């Protein structure tokens, strides 16, 4: 198995849930990002009258994300209601599932995926290459980037997850790297969001996302698979 085939999880540790919405907006407009994709699954999709009403005035993907995020995640009463509906639907379709299965699946309900530019097309190419070299990576992919060869989009793609069942993601708060981040940043209500990527060029994602997370009072931490 090559390094590119190894899944990697980065924890995006932020001060609160609202910061996640701000991070998504910043990543979506980052010059490091080549493309974005937003997905809205059941029961969120047109899940409340408020959502339906506001979607009529939302035309871009990020605007629609904002509608769903504010009305389905930030509104705690609605979040609990929608999470319960999701659990019922999931277990009805997969009756032998366990609680952990439901929780993990709830991270795909409000989806944000993005593809990065190759490091040579970052605003600061040499810094991007150094970031790639500073982390475990696939040497063949990095060499292809240096030669400006074509790199498979999936190797530069990431998916940022927030869990409808529990946005704080408390199961990750015991990870030592997360604890260190929480202590260093003095976070009172830490939330751990998950960035799922491949092992091709993890440093490139750190180069793009970590400065944005720091601006919001947080940072990144490597999570166990």
N, C-alpha and C. Protein backbone atom coordinates (compact mmCIF):
# COMPACT_ATOMS: atom_id res chain seq x y z
N UNK A 1 0.84 -1.20 0.00
CA UNK A 1 0.00 0.00 0.00
C UNK A 1 0.88 1.24 0.00
N UNK A 2 0.63 2.16 -0.94
CA UNK A 2 1.41 3.39 -0.99
C UNK A 2 0.90 4.37 0.06
N UNK A 3 1.71 5.37 0.35
CA UNK A 3 1.33 6.38 1.34
C UNK A 3 0.04 7.08 0.93
N UNK A 4 -0.19 7.22 -0.37
CA UNK A 4 -1.40 7.90 -0.85
C UNK A 4 -2.67 7.14 -0.53
N UNK A 5 -2.54 5.84 -0.29
CA UNK A 5 -3.71 5.02 0.00
C UNK A 5 -4.05 4.96 1.48
N UNK A 6 -3.20 5.57 2.29
CA UNK A 6 -3.43 5.56 3.74
C UNK A 6 -4.33 6.73 4.12
N UNK A 7 -5.50 6.46 4.72
CA UNK A 7 -6.36 7.57 5.14
C UNK A 7 -5.76 8.31 6.33
N UNK A 8 -5.92 9.62 6.35
CA UNK A 8 -5.40 10.45 7.42
C UNK A 8 -6.54 11.32 7.95
N UNK A 9 -6.59 11.46 9.27
CA UNK A 9 -7.60 12.32 9.90
C UNK A 9 -6.90 13.43 10.66
N UNK A 10 -7.23 14.66 10.33
CA UNK A 10 -6.74 15.81 11.06
C UNK A 10 -7.90 16.38 11.89
N UNK A 11 -7.64 16.63 13.14
CA UNK A 11 -8.64 17.26 13.99
C UNK A 11 -8.51 18.77 13.90
N UNK A 12 -9.60 19.43 13.59
CA UNK A 12 -9.62 20.90 13.56
C UNK A 12 -10.26 21.33 14.88
N UNK A 13 -9.43 21.79 15.80
CA UNK A 13 -9.87 22.14 17.14
C UNK A 13 -10.21 23.62 17.17
N UNK A 14 -11.46 23.93 17.49
CA UNK A 14 -11.93 25.32 17.47
C UNK A 14 -12.63 25.67 18.79
N UNK A 15 -12.76 26.96 19.08
CA UNK A 15 -13.33 27.37 20.37
C UNK A 15 -14.80 27.06 20.55
N UNK A 16 -15.56 26.96 19.44
CA UNK A 16 -16.99 26.74 19.56
C UNK A 16 -17.55 26.31 18.21
N UNK A 17 -18.83 26.02 18.20
CA UNK A 17 -19.47 25.55 16.98
C UNK A 17 -19.55 26.64 15.92
N UNK A 18 -19.82 27.88 16.34
CA UNK A 18 -19.95 28.97 15.38
C UNK A 18 -18.66 29.13 14.55
N UNK A 19 -17.53 28.85 15.17
CA UNK A 19 -16.25 28.98 14.47
C UNK A 19 -16.15 28.04 13.27
N UNK A 20 -16.86 26.91 13.34
CA UNK A 20 -16.82 25.98 12.22
C UNK A 20 -17.41 26.62 10.96
N UNK A 21 -18.53 27.31 11.11
CA UNK A 21 -19.13 27.98 9.96
C UNK A 21 -18.22 29.03 9.39
N UNK A 22 -17.52 29.76 10.25
CA UNK A 22 -16.57 30.77 9.79
C UNK A 22 -15.40 30.13 9.07
N UNK A 23 -14.94 28.99 9.59
CA UNK A 23 -13.82 28.29 8.94
C UNK A 23 -14.20 27.82 7.54
N UNK A 24 -15.39 27.25 7.41
CA UNK A 24 -15.84 26.79 6.09
C UNK A 24 -15.86 27.95 5.10
N UNK A 25 -16.35 29.10 5.52
CA UNK A 25 -16.37 30.26 4.64
C UNK A 25 -14.96 30.67 4.22
N UNK A 26 -14.01 30.64 5.16
CA UNK A 26 -12.64 31.04 4.85
C UNK A 26 -11.96 30.03 3.93
N UNK A 27 -12.17 28.75 4.18
CA UNK A 27 -11.58 27.73 3.31
C UNK A 27 -12.16 27.83 1.90
N UNK A 28 -13.46 28.05 1.81
CA UNK A 28 -14.12 28.09 0.50
C UNK A 28 -13.58 29.20 -0.38
N UNK A 29 -13.14 30.31 0.22
CA UNK A 29 -12.65 31.42 -0.58
C UNK A 29 -11.12 31.52 -0.59
N UNK A 30 -10.45 30.52 -0.01
CA UNK A 30 -9.00 30.54 0.05
C UNK A 30 -8.39 30.40 -1.36
N UNK A 31 -7.33 31.13 -1.66
CA UNK A 31 -6.64 30.98 -2.95
C UNK A 31 -5.92 29.64 -3.08
N UNK A 32 -5.84 28.90 -1.97
CA UNK A 32 -5.23 27.56 -2.01
C UNK A 32 -6.20 26.50 -2.52
N UNK A 33 -7.48 26.85 -2.57
CA UNK A 33 -8.54 25.88 -2.88
C UNK A 33 -8.96 25.99 -4.35
N UNK A 34 -8.95 24.87 -5.01
CA UNK A 34 -9.30 24.82 -6.44
C UNK A 34 -10.80 24.71 -6.66
N UNK A 35 -11.47 23.89 -5.83
CA UNK A 35 -12.91 23.72 -6.00
C UNK A 35 -13.54 23.29 -4.68
N UNK A 36 -14.84 23.50 -4.56
CA UNK A 36 -15.58 23.11 -3.36
C UNK A 36 -16.85 22.38 -3.75
N UNK A 37 -17.36 21.60 -2.82
CA UNK A 37 -18.63 20.90 -3.02
C UNK A 37 -19.39 20.86 -1.70
N UNK A 38 -20.64 21.27 -1.73
CA UNK A 38 -21.50 21.24 -0.55
C UNK A 38 -22.62 20.23 -0.80
N UNK A 39 -22.90 19.41 0.22
CA UNK A 39 -23.99 18.44 0.11
C UNK A 39 -24.87 18.54 1.35
N UNK A 40 -26.16 18.35 1.15
CA UNK A 40 -27.13 18.47 2.24
C UNK A 40 -28.05 17.26 2.19
N UNK A 41 -27.86 16.36 3.15
CA UNK A 41 -28.62 15.12 3.14
C UNK A 41 -29.79 15.15 4.09
N UNK A 42 -30.66 14.14 4.03
CA UNK A 42 -31.78 14.04 4.95
C UNK A 42 -31.26 13.75 6.37
N UNK A 43 -31.98 14.25 7.36
CA UNK A 43 -33.23 15.02 7.34
C UNK A 43 -33.01 16.54 7.22
N UNK A 44 -31.75 16.98 6.98
CA UNK A 44 -31.50 18.42 6.88
C UNK A 44 -32.13 19.01 5.63
N UNK A 45 -32.06 18.28 4.52
CA UNK A 45 -32.48 18.84 3.24
C UNK A 45 -33.92 19.33 3.32
N UNK A 46 -34.07 20.67 3.24
CA UNK A 46 -35.38 21.30 3.36
C UNK A 46 -36.13 20.77 4.58
N UNK A 47 -35.38 20.62 5.68
CA UNK A 47 -35.90 19.94 6.85
C UNK A 47 -36.81 20.73 7.75
N UNK A 48 -36.80 22.06 7.64
CA UNK A 48 -37.68 22.89 8.48
C UNK A 48 -38.25 24.03 7.63
N UNK A 49 -39.38 24.59 8.04
CA UNK A 49 -39.94 25.73 7.29
C UNK A 49 -38.96 26.90 7.21
N UNK A 50 -38.20 27.13 8.28
CA UNK A 50 -37.23 28.22 8.27
C UNK A 50 -36.16 27.99 7.20
N UNK A 51 -35.69 26.77 7.09
CA UNK A 51 -34.70 26.44 6.07
C UNK A 51 -35.27 26.66 4.68
N UNK A 52 -36.46 26.16 4.45
CA UNK A 52 -37.09 26.30 3.14
C UNK A 52 -37.25 27.77 2.77
N UNK A 53 -37.69 28.57 3.74
CA UNK A 53 -37.88 29.99 3.46
C UNK A 53 -36.60 30.71 3.11
N UNK A 54 -35.51 30.41 3.83
CA UNK A 54 -34.26 31.10 3.59
C UNK A 54 -33.54 30.59 2.34
N UNK A 55 -33.79 29.34 1.96
CA UNK A 55 -33.14 28.81 0.75
C UNK A 55 -33.59 29.57 -0.50
N UNK A 56 -34.77 30.15 -0.45
CA UNK A 56 -35.26 30.92 -1.59
C UNK A 56 -34.42 32.14 -1.87
N UNK A 57 -33.61 32.56 -0.89
CA UNK A 57 -32.75 33.73 -1.07
C UNK A 57 -31.27 33.35 -1.09
N UNK A 58 -31.00 32.05 -1.17
CA UNK A 58 -29.61 31.56 -1.19
C UNK A 58 -29.34 30.92 -2.55
N UNK A 59 -28.33 31.41 -3.22
CA UNK A 59 -28.07 30.93 -4.58
C UNK A 59 -26.74 30.19 -4.73
N UNK A 60 -25.74 30.57 -3.96
CA UNK A 60 -24.45 29.89 -4.06
C UNK A 60 -24.38 28.75 -3.06
N UNK A 61 -23.43 27.85 -3.27
CA UNK A 61 -23.26 26.73 -2.35
C UNK A 61 -22.95 27.18 -0.94
N UNK A 62 -22.10 28.19 -0.78
CA UNK A 62 -21.74 28.66 0.55
C UNK A 62 -22.91 29.35 1.23
N UNK A 63 -23.76 30.03 0.44
CA UNK A 63 -24.95 30.66 1.02
C UNK A 63 -25.93 29.60 1.53
N UNK A 64 -26.09 28.53 0.76
CA UNK A 64 -26.97 27.44 1.18
C UNK A 64 -26.40 26.74 2.42
N UNK A 65 -25.08 26.55 2.43
CA UNK A 65 -24.44 25.97 3.61
C UNK A 65 -24.76 26.81 4.84
N UNK A 66 -24.66 28.11 4.71
CA UNK A 66 -24.91 29.01 5.84
C UNK A 66 -26.34 28.86 6.35
N UNK A 67 -27.29 28.72 5.44
CA UNK A 67 -28.69 28.54 5.84
C UNK A 67 -28.85 27.27 6.67
N UNK A 68 -28.29 26.17 6.16
CA UNK A 68 -28.41 24.90 6.88
C UNK A 68 -27.65 24.94 8.20
N UNK A 69 -26.47 25.52 8.19
CA UNK A 69 -25.65 25.55 9.39
C UNK A 69 -26.32 26.35 10.51
N UNK A 70 -26.83 27.53 10.17
CA UNK A 70 -27.46 28.36 11.19
C UNK A 70 -28.74 27.74 11.74
N UNK A 71 -29.53 27.15 10.85
CA UNK A 71 -30.86 26.68 11.25
C UNK A 71 -30.89 25.23 11.73
N UNK A 72 -29.87 24.45 11.40
CA UNK A 72 -29.87 23.04 11.78
C UNK A 72 -28.79 22.68 12.79
N UNK A 73 -27.71 23.45 12.84
CA UNK A 73 -26.62 23.15 13.77
C UNK A 73 -26.53 24.17 14.91
N UNK A 74 -26.53 25.44 14.59
CA UNK A 74 -26.41 26.47 15.62
C UNK A 74 -27.67 26.56 16.49
N UNK A 75 -28.81 26.27 15.91
CA UNK A 75 -30.06 26.24 16.68
C UNK A 75 -30.10 24.89 17.41
N UNK A 76 -29.78 24.90 18.70
CA UNK A 76 -29.62 23.64 19.43
C UNK A 76 -30.91 22.83 19.50
N UNK A 77 -32.04 23.47 19.65
CA UNK A 77 -33.30 22.74 19.70
C UNK A 77 -33.57 22.03 18.37
N UNK A 78 -33.33 22.73 17.28
CA UNK A 78 -33.53 22.12 15.96
C UNK A 78 -32.49 21.03 15.72
N UNK A 79 -31.26 21.24 16.19
CA UNK A 79 -30.24 20.21 16.00
C UNK A 79 -30.65 18.90 16.67
N UNK A 80 -31.12 19.02 17.90
CA UNK A 80 -31.54 17.82 18.61
C UNK A 80 -32.71 17.14 17.90
N UNK A 81 -33.65 17.96 17.43
CA UNK A 81 -34.80 17.41 16.71
C UNK A 81 -34.36 16.68 15.44
N UNK A 82 -33.48 17.30 14.66
CA UNK A 82 -33.02 16.71 13.41
C UNK A 82 -32.12 15.51 13.66
N UNK A 83 -31.33 15.56 14.72
CA UNK A 83 -30.46 14.43 15.06
C UNK A 83 -31.31 13.21 15.43
N UNK A 84 -32.38 13.43 16.16
CA UNK A 84 -33.27 12.33 16.52
C UNK A 84 -33.93 11.74 15.27
N UNK A 85 -34.33 12.61 14.36
CA UNK A 85 -34.93 12.14 13.11
C UNK A 85 -33.91 11.34 12.29
N UNK A 86 -32.66 11.82 12.26
CA UNK A 86 -31.62 11.11 11.54
C UNK A 86 -31.39 9.73 12.13
N UNK A 87 -31.35 9.67 13.45
CA UNK A 87 -31.13 8.38 14.12
C UNK A 87 -32.25 7.40 13.79
N UNK A 88 -33.48 7.87 13.81
CA UNK A 88 -34.62 6.99 13.49
C UNK A 88 -34.51 6.49 12.05
N UNK A 89 -34.22 7.38 11.13
CA UNK A 89 -34.13 6.99 9.73
C UNK A 89 -32.97 6.02 9.49
N UNK A 90 -31.85 6.30 10.13
CA UNK A 90 -30.67 5.45 9.93
C UNK A 90 -30.91 4.04 10.47
N UNK A 91 -31.47 3.95 11.67
CA UNK A 91 -31.70 2.65 12.29
C UNK A 91 -32.82 1.88 11.60
N UNK A 92 -33.79 2.61 11.02
CA UNK A 92 -34.85 1.92 10.27
C UNK A 92 -34.27 1.25 9.04
N UNK A 93 -33.28 1.89 8.40
CA UNK A 93 -32.65 1.33 7.21
C UNK A 93 -31.57 0.31 7.55
N UNK A 94 -30.95 0.45 8.75
CA UNK A 94 -29.85 -0.43 9.16
C UNK A 94 -30.07 -0.83 10.62
N UNK A 95 -31.04 -1.71 10.87
CA UNK A 95 -31.45 -2.02 12.25
C UNK A 95 -30.36 -2.65 13.11
N UNK A 96 -29.33 -3.20 12.51
CA UNK A 96 -28.28 -3.86 13.28
C UNK A 96 -27.12 -2.90 13.61
N UNK A 97 -27.28 -1.66 13.26
CA UNK A 97 -26.21 -0.68 13.50
C UNK A 97 -26.08 -0.37 14.98
N UNK A 98 -24.86 0.05 15.37
CA UNK A 98 -24.59 0.45 16.74
C UNK A 98 -24.57 1.97 16.83
N UNK A 99 -24.55 2.47 18.06
CA UNK A 99 -24.58 3.91 18.27
C UNK A 99 -23.44 4.63 17.57
N UNK A 100 -22.24 4.01 17.59
CA UNK A 100 -21.09 4.63 16.95
C UNK A 100 -21.29 4.75 15.44
N UNK A 101 -21.98 3.78 14.85
CA UNK A 101 -22.26 3.83 13.41
C UNK A 101 -23.14 5.04 13.09
N UNK A 102 -24.15 5.26 13.92
CA UNK A 102 -25.06 6.39 13.70
C UNK A 102 -24.29 7.70 13.84
N UNK A 103 -23.47 7.77 14.87
CA UNK A 103 -22.72 9.00 15.11
C UNK A 103 -21.82 9.33 13.93
N UNK A 104 -21.05 8.36 13.47
CA UNK A 104 -20.13 8.61 12.36
C UNK A 104 -20.89 8.98 11.08
N UNK A 105 -21.99 8.32 10.84
CA UNK A 105 -22.78 8.63 9.63
C UNK A 105 -23.35 10.03 9.69
N UNK A 106 -23.60 10.54 10.89
CA UNK A 106 -24.17 11.88 11.00
C UNK A 106 -23.18 12.96 10.56
N UNK A 107 -21.92 12.57 10.39
CA UNK A 107 -20.91 13.51 9.89
C UNK A 107 -21.00 13.76 8.40
N UNK A 108 -21.86 13.01 7.73
CA UNK A 108 -22.02 13.19 6.28
C UNK A 108 -23.30 13.93 5.91
N UNK A 109 -24.07 14.34 6.90
CA UNK A 109 -25.36 14.98 6.62
C UNK A 109 -25.17 16.38 6.05
N UNK A 110 -24.27 17.14 6.65
CA UNK A 110 -23.94 18.48 6.15
C UNK A 110 -22.51 18.40 5.63
N UNK A 111 -22.37 18.24 4.32
CA UNK A 111 -21.07 17.93 3.74
C UNK A 111 -20.36 19.13 3.14
N UNK A 112 -19.06 19.22 3.42
CA UNK A 112 -18.21 20.22 2.78
C UNK A 112 -16.92 19.54 2.35
N UNK A 113 -16.74 19.42 1.04
CA UNK A 113 -15.53 18.83 0.47
C UNK A 113 -14.83 19.89 -0.37
N UNK A 114 -13.52 19.80 -0.43
CA UNK A 114 -12.77 20.77 -1.23
C UNK A 114 -11.52 20.11 -1.80
N UNK A 115 -11.07 20.64 -2.92
CA UNK A 115 -9.85 20.15 -3.56
C UNK A 115 -8.83 21.28 -3.59
N UNK A 116 -7.61 20.97 -3.18
CA UNK A 116 -6.56 21.96 -3.16
C UNK A 116 -5.86 22.07 -4.52
N UNK A 117 -5.27 23.22 -4.76
CA UNK A 117 -4.33 23.35 -5.86
C UNK A 117 -3.08 22.54 -5.52
N UNK A 118 -2.28 22.21 -6.50
CA UNK A 118 -0.99 21.62 -6.24
C UNK A 118 -0.11 22.68 -5.57
N UNK A 119 0.92 22.27 -4.83
CA UNK A 119 1.73 23.27 -4.10
C UNK A 119 2.34 24.34 -5.00
N UNK A 120 2.66 23.98 -6.25
CA UNK A 120 3.23 24.97 -7.16
C UNK A 120 2.27 26.08 -7.52
N UNK A 121 0.98 25.86 -7.27
CA UNK A 121 -0.04 26.87 -7.57
C UNK A 121 -0.58 27.54 -6.31
N UNK A 122 0.06 27.29 -5.17
CA UNK A 122 -0.29 28.01 -3.94
C UNK A 122 0.25 29.44 -4.03
N UNK A 123 -0.31 30.36 -3.25
CA UNK A 123 0.19 31.74 -3.27
C UNK A 123 1.68 31.84 -2.94
N UNK A 124 2.16 30.94 -2.05
CA UNK A 124 3.59 30.90 -1.70
C UNK A 124 4.08 29.47 -1.98
N UNK A 125 4.44 29.18 -3.23
CA UNK A 125 4.77 27.80 -3.63
C UNK A 125 5.87 27.14 -2.80
N UNK A 126 6.96 27.84 -2.55
CA UNK A 126 8.05 27.21 -1.82
C UNK A 126 7.65 26.87 -0.39
N UNK A 127 6.86 27.74 0.23
CA UNK A 127 6.37 27.44 1.58
C UNK A 127 5.46 26.22 1.54
N UNK A 128 4.67 26.09 0.48
CA UNK A 128 3.77 24.93 0.35
C UNK A 128 4.58 23.65 0.17
N UNK A 129 5.63 23.71 -0.63
CA UNK A 129 6.47 22.53 -0.81
C UNK A 129 7.16 22.15 0.50
N UNK A 130 7.64 23.14 1.24
CA UNK A 130 8.28 22.85 2.53
C UNK A 130 7.30 22.22 3.50
N UNK A 131 6.06 22.70 3.48
CA UNK A 131 5.03 22.12 4.35
C UNK A 131 4.79 20.65 3.99
N UNK A 132 4.77 20.35 2.71
CA UNK A 132 4.59 18.96 2.26
C UNK A 132 5.74 18.08 2.74
N UNK A 133 6.95 18.60 2.64
CA UNK A 133 8.14 17.85 3.04
C UNK A 133 8.22 17.66 4.54
N UNK A 134 7.58 18.55 5.30
CA UNK A 134 7.65 18.51 6.75
C UNK A 134 6.76 17.46 7.39
N UNK A 135 5.92 16.82 6.59
CA UNK A 135 5.03 15.77 7.09
C UNK A 135 5.24 14.49 6.27
N UNK A 136 4.85 13.38 6.84
CA UNK A 136 4.86 12.13 6.08
C UNK A 136 4.05 12.32 4.81
N UNK A 137 4.59 11.87 3.68
CA UNK A 137 3.92 12.10 2.40
C UNK A 137 4.32 11.03 1.40
N UNK A 138 3.70 11.06 0.24
CA UNK A 138 4.02 10.13 -0.84
C UNK A 138 5.07 10.81 -1.74
N UNK A 139 6.31 10.34 -1.72
CA UNK A 139 7.37 11.00 -2.50
C UNK A 139 7.05 11.09 -3.99
N UNK A 140 6.35 10.08 -4.51
CA UNK A 140 6.03 10.09 -5.94
C UNK A 140 5.06 11.23 -6.28
N UNK A 141 4.10 11.48 -5.39
CA UNK A 141 3.14 12.56 -5.62
C UNK A 141 3.83 13.91 -5.51
N UNK A 142 4.69 14.06 -4.52
CA UNK A 142 5.39 15.33 -4.37
C UNK A 142 6.32 15.59 -5.55
N UNK A 143 6.98 14.53 -6.05
CA UNK A 143 7.85 14.68 -7.22
C UNK A 143 7.04 15.09 -8.44
N UNK A 144 5.84 14.52 -8.59
CA UNK A 144 4.98 14.88 -9.71
C UNK A 144 4.57 16.34 -9.62
N UNK A 145 4.32 16.81 -8.41
CA UNK A 145 3.97 18.23 -8.23
C UNK A 145 5.12 19.13 -8.62
N UNK A 146 6.32 18.74 -8.26
CA UNK A 146 7.49 19.57 -8.60
C UNK A 146 7.71 19.63 -10.11
N UNK A 147 7.38 18.53 -10.78
CA UNK A 147 7.54 18.50 -12.25
C UNK A 147 6.32 19.05 -12.96
N UNK A 148 5.32 19.46 -12.17
CA UNK A 148 4.05 19.97 -12.70
C UNK A 148 3.33 18.93 -13.56
N UNK A 149 3.50 17.67 -13.20
CA UNK A 149 2.74 16.60 -13.83
C UNK A 149 1.32 16.61 -13.28
N UNK A 150 0.43 15.89 -13.96
CA UNK A 150 -0.96 15.79 -13.50
C UNK A 150 -1.01 14.93 -12.23
N UNK A 151 -1.73 15.40 -11.22
CA UNK A 151 -1.94 14.67 -9.98
C UNK A 151 -3.42 14.36 -9.85
N UNK A 152 -3.74 13.12 -9.51
CA UNK A 152 -5.15 12.72 -9.38
C UNK A 152 -5.87 13.62 -8.38
N UNK A 153 -7.02 14.18 -8.75
CA UNK A 153 -7.74 15.10 -7.84
C UNK A 153 -8.03 14.51 -6.48
N UNK A 154 -8.28 13.19 -6.41
CA UNK A 154 -8.63 12.59 -5.12
C UNK A 154 -7.50 12.70 -4.11
N UNK A 155 -6.26 12.86 -4.60
CA UNK A 155 -5.11 12.98 -3.69
C UNK A 155 -5.00 14.37 -3.08
N UNK A 156 -5.72 15.32 -3.65
CA UNK A 156 -5.71 16.69 -3.16
C UNK A 156 -7.05 17.08 -2.56
N UNK A 157 -7.90 16.08 -2.32
CA UNK A 157 -9.27 16.33 -1.85
C UNK A 157 -9.40 16.05 -0.36
N UNK A 158 -10.18 16.87 0.31
CA UNK A 158 -10.47 16.67 1.73
C UNK A 158 -11.94 16.88 2.01
N UNK A 159 -12.39 16.27 3.09
CA UNK A 159 -13.79 16.44 3.51
C UNK A 159 -13.79 16.85 4.97
N UNK A 160 -14.39 18.01 5.24
CA UNK A 160 -14.44 18.56 6.60
C UNK A 160 -15.78 18.20 7.22
N UNK A 161 -15.73 17.55 8.38
CA UNK A 161 -16.95 16.99 8.96
C UNK A 161 -17.33 17.62 10.29
N UNK A 162 -18.62 17.88 10.42
CA UNK A 162 -19.23 18.22 11.70
C UNK A 162 -20.32 17.18 11.92
N UNK A 163 -20.42 16.67 13.14
CA UNK A 163 -21.33 15.56 13.42
C UNK A 163 -22.65 16.08 13.98
N UNK A 164 -23.72 15.82 13.26
CA UNK A 164 -25.05 16.25 13.68
C UNK A 164 -25.41 15.68 15.05
N UNK A 165 -24.98 14.45 15.32
CA UNK A 165 -25.29 13.79 16.60
C UNK A 165 -24.61 14.46 17.79
N UNK A 166 -23.50 15.12 17.55
CA UNK A 166 -22.78 15.75 18.66
C UNK A 166 -21.65 16.60 18.12
N UNK A 167 -21.90 17.87 17.84
CA UNK A 167 -20.89 18.72 17.20
C UNK A 167 -19.59 18.90 17.99
N UNK A 168 -19.63 18.76 19.31
CA UNK A 168 -18.40 18.91 20.09
C UNK A 168 -17.42 17.77 19.83
N UNK A 169 -17.95 16.62 19.40
CA UNK A 169 -17.11 15.46 19.11
C UNK A 169 -16.28 15.09 20.34
N UNK A 170 -16.96 14.89 21.45
CA UNK A 170 -16.28 14.68 22.73
C UNK A 170 -15.39 13.44 22.74
N UNK A 171 -15.65 12.46 21.89
CA UNK A 171 -14.81 11.26 21.86
C UNK A 171 -13.37 11.58 21.48
N UNK A 172 -13.17 12.74 20.83
CA UNK A 172 -11.82 13.12 20.42
C UNK A 172 -11.11 13.99 21.46
N UNK A 173 -11.81 14.42 22.48
CA UNK A 173 -11.21 15.31 23.45
C UNK A 173 -10.16 14.62 24.32
N UNK A 174 -10.16 13.28 24.31
CA UNK A 174 -9.18 12.53 25.08
C UNK A 174 -7.89 12.27 24.31
N UNK A 175 -7.86 12.61 23.03
CA UNK A 175 -6.65 12.42 22.23
C UNK A 175 -5.57 13.37 22.75
N UNK A 176 -4.38 12.87 23.08
CA UNK A 176 -3.34 13.73 23.67
C UNK A 176 -3.03 14.99 22.87
N UNK A 177 -2.96 14.87 21.55
CA UNK A 177 -2.66 16.06 20.74
C UNK A 177 -3.77 17.09 20.84
N UNK A 178 -5.01 16.62 20.97
CA UNK A 178 -6.14 17.54 21.12
C UNK A 178 -6.09 18.19 22.51
N UNK A 179 -5.80 17.39 23.54
CA UNK A 179 -5.70 17.94 24.89
C UNK A 179 -4.63 19.03 24.96
N UNK A 180 -3.51 18.78 24.29
CA UNK A 180 -2.44 19.77 24.28
C UNK A 180 -2.91 21.07 23.63
N UNK A 181 -3.63 20.94 22.52
CA UNK A 181 -4.14 22.11 21.81
C UNK A 181 -5.14 22.87 22.68
N UNK A 182 -6.03 22.15 23.32
CA UNK A 182 -7.04 22.77 24.18
C UNK A 182 -6.38 23.54 25.32
N UNK A 183 -5.34 22.93 25.93
CA UNK A 183 -4.64 23.58 27.04
C UNK A 183 -3.88 24.81 26.56
N UNK A 184 -3.17 24.66 25.45
CA UNK A 184 -2.35 25.77 24.94
C UNK A 184 -3.20 26.96 24.54
N UNK A 185 -4.37 26.68 23.96
CA UNK A 185 -5.25 27.76 23.50
C UNK A 185 -6.24 28.21 24.58
N UNK A 186 -6.22 27.51 25.72
CA UNK A 186 -7.14 27.84 26.82
C UNK A 186 -8.59 27.85 26.35
N UNK A 187 -8.99 26.79 25.67
CA UNK A 187 -10.34 26.71 25.12
C UNK A 187 -11.30 26.21 26.18
N UNK A 188 -12.38 26.95 26.42
CA UNK A 188 -13.35 26.58 27.46
C UNK A 188 -14.41 25.61 26.95
N UNK A 189 -14.73 25.68 25.68
CA UNK A 189 -15.77 24.82 25.12
C UNK A 189 -15.27 24.25 23.78
N UNK A 190 -14.19 23.47 23.81
CA UNK A 190 -13.57 23.03 22.56
C UNK A 190 -14.47 22.12 21.74
N UNK A 191 -14.43 22.32 20.43
CA UNK A 191 -15.11 21.47 19.47
C UNK A 191 -14.06 20.89 18.54
N UNK A 192 -14.18 19.61 18.25
CA UNK A 192 -13.21 18.95 17.38
C UNK A 192 -13.90 18.49 16.10
N UNK A 193 -13.57 19.13 15.01
CA UNK A 193 -14.11 18.77 13.71
C UNK A 193 -13.06 17.92 12.99
N UNK A 194 -13.48 17.13 12.03
CA UNK A 194 -12.55 16.18 11.42
C UNK A 194 -12.35 16.46 9.93
N UNK A 195 -11.10 16.51 9.53
CA UNK A 195 -10.73 16.71 8.13
C UNK A 195 -10.16 15.39 7.62
N UNK A 196 -10.92 14.73 6.76
CA UNK A 196 -10.52 13.43 6.21
C UNK A 196 -9.80 13.64 4.89
N UNK A 197 -8.55 13.16 4.81
CA UNK A 197 -7.73 13.32 3.62
C UNK A 197 -6.99 12.01 3.36
N UNK A 198 -6.19 11.98 2.29
CA UNK A 198 -5.32 10.84 2.05
C UNK A 198 -3.92 11.16 2.59
N UNK A 199 -3.06 10.16 2.59
CA UNK A 199 -1.70 10.36 3.06
C UNK A 199 -0.76 10.92 2.01
N UNK A 200 -1.31 11.35 0.87
CA UNK A 200 -0.45 11.83 -0.22
C UNK A 200 0.35 13.06 0.19
N UNK A 201 -0.35 14.11 0.62
CA UNK A 201 0.31 15.38 0.98
C UNK A 201 -0.40 16.04 2.17
N UNK A 202 -0.38 15.42 3.34
CA UNK A 202 -1.06 16.03 4.50
C UNK A 202 -0.55 17.44 4.80
N UNK A 203 0.74 17.67 4.60
CA UNK A 203 1.30 18.98 4.90
C UNK A 203 0.68 20.10 4.08
N UNK A 204 0.19 19.76 2.90
CA UNK A 204 -0.44 20.78 2.05
C UNK A 204 -1.74 21.26 2.69
N UNK A 205 -2.48 20.35 3.31
CA UNK A 205 -3.72 20.73 3.99
C UNK A 205 -3.42 21.53 5.25
N UNK A 206 -2.35 21.16 5.94
CA UNK A 206 -1.94 21.93 7.11
C UNK A 206 -1.58 23.35 6.69
N UNK A 207 -0.86 23.46 5.57
CA UNK A 207 -0.45 24.78 5.05
C UNK A 207 -1.65 25.65 4.73
N UNK A 208 -2.72 25.05 4.24
CA UNK A 208 -3.92 25.79 3.86
C UNK A 208 -4.81 26.09 5.06
N UNK A 209 -5.09 25.08 5.88
CA UNK A 209 -6.15 25.18 6.89
C UNK A 209 -5.66 25.71 8.23
N UNK A 210 -4.45 25.33 8.63
CA UNK A 210 -4.02 25.71 9.98
C UNK A 210 -3.99 27.23 10.20
N UNK A 211 -3.48 28.04 9.26
CA UNK A 211 -3.51 29.49 9.51
C UNK A 211 -4.93 30.02 9.71
N UNK A 212 -5.89 29.45 9.01
CA UNK A 212 -7.28 29.88 9.15
C UNK A 212 -7.84 29.47 10.52
N UNK A 213 -7.49 28.25 10.95
CA UNK A 213 -7.94 27.79 12.27
C UNK A 213 -7.31 28.65 13.38
N UNK A 214 -6.06 29.03 13.20
CA UNK A 214 -5.39 29.86 14.21
C UNK A 214 -6.06 31.23 14.32
N UNK A 215 -6.47 31.78 13.19
CA UNK A 215 -7.15 33.08 13.22
C UNK A 215 -8.43 33.02 14.04
N UNK A 216 -9.02 31.83 14.12
CA UNK A 216 -10.26 31.65 14.86
C UNK A 216 -10.01 31.19 16.29
N UNK A 217 -8.74 31.14 16.68
CA UNK A 217 -8.41 30.76 18.06
C UNK A 217 -8.18 29.29 18.26
N UNK A 218 -8.00 28.52 17.16
CA UNK A 218 -7.81 27.08 17.29
C UNK A 218 -6.56 26.59 16.58
N UNK A 219 -6.60 25.36 16.12
CA UNK A 219 -5.46 24.79 15.42
C UNK A 219 -5.77 23.37 14.97
N UNK A 220 -4.76 22.68 14.48
CA UNK A 220 -4.92 21.31 13.98
C UNK A 220 -4.18 20.32 14.87
N UNK A 221 -4.70 19.08 14.92
CA UNK A 221 -4.07 18.01 15.66
C UNK A 221 -4.31 16.70 14.90
N UNK A 222 -3.29 15.86 14.85
CA UNK A 222 -3.43 14.57 14.18
C UNK A 222 -4.30 13.64 15.03
N UNK A 223 -5.28 13.00 14.40
CA UNK A 223 -6.18 12.10 15.10
C UNK A 223 -5.86 10.66 14.74
N UNK A 224 -6.10 9.72 15.66
CA UNK A 224 -5.98 8.30 15.30
C UNK A 224 -7.08 7.92 14.34
N UNK A 225 -6.83 6.93 13.50
CA UNK A 225 -7.81 6.54 12.49
C UNK A 225 -9.05 5.89 13.10
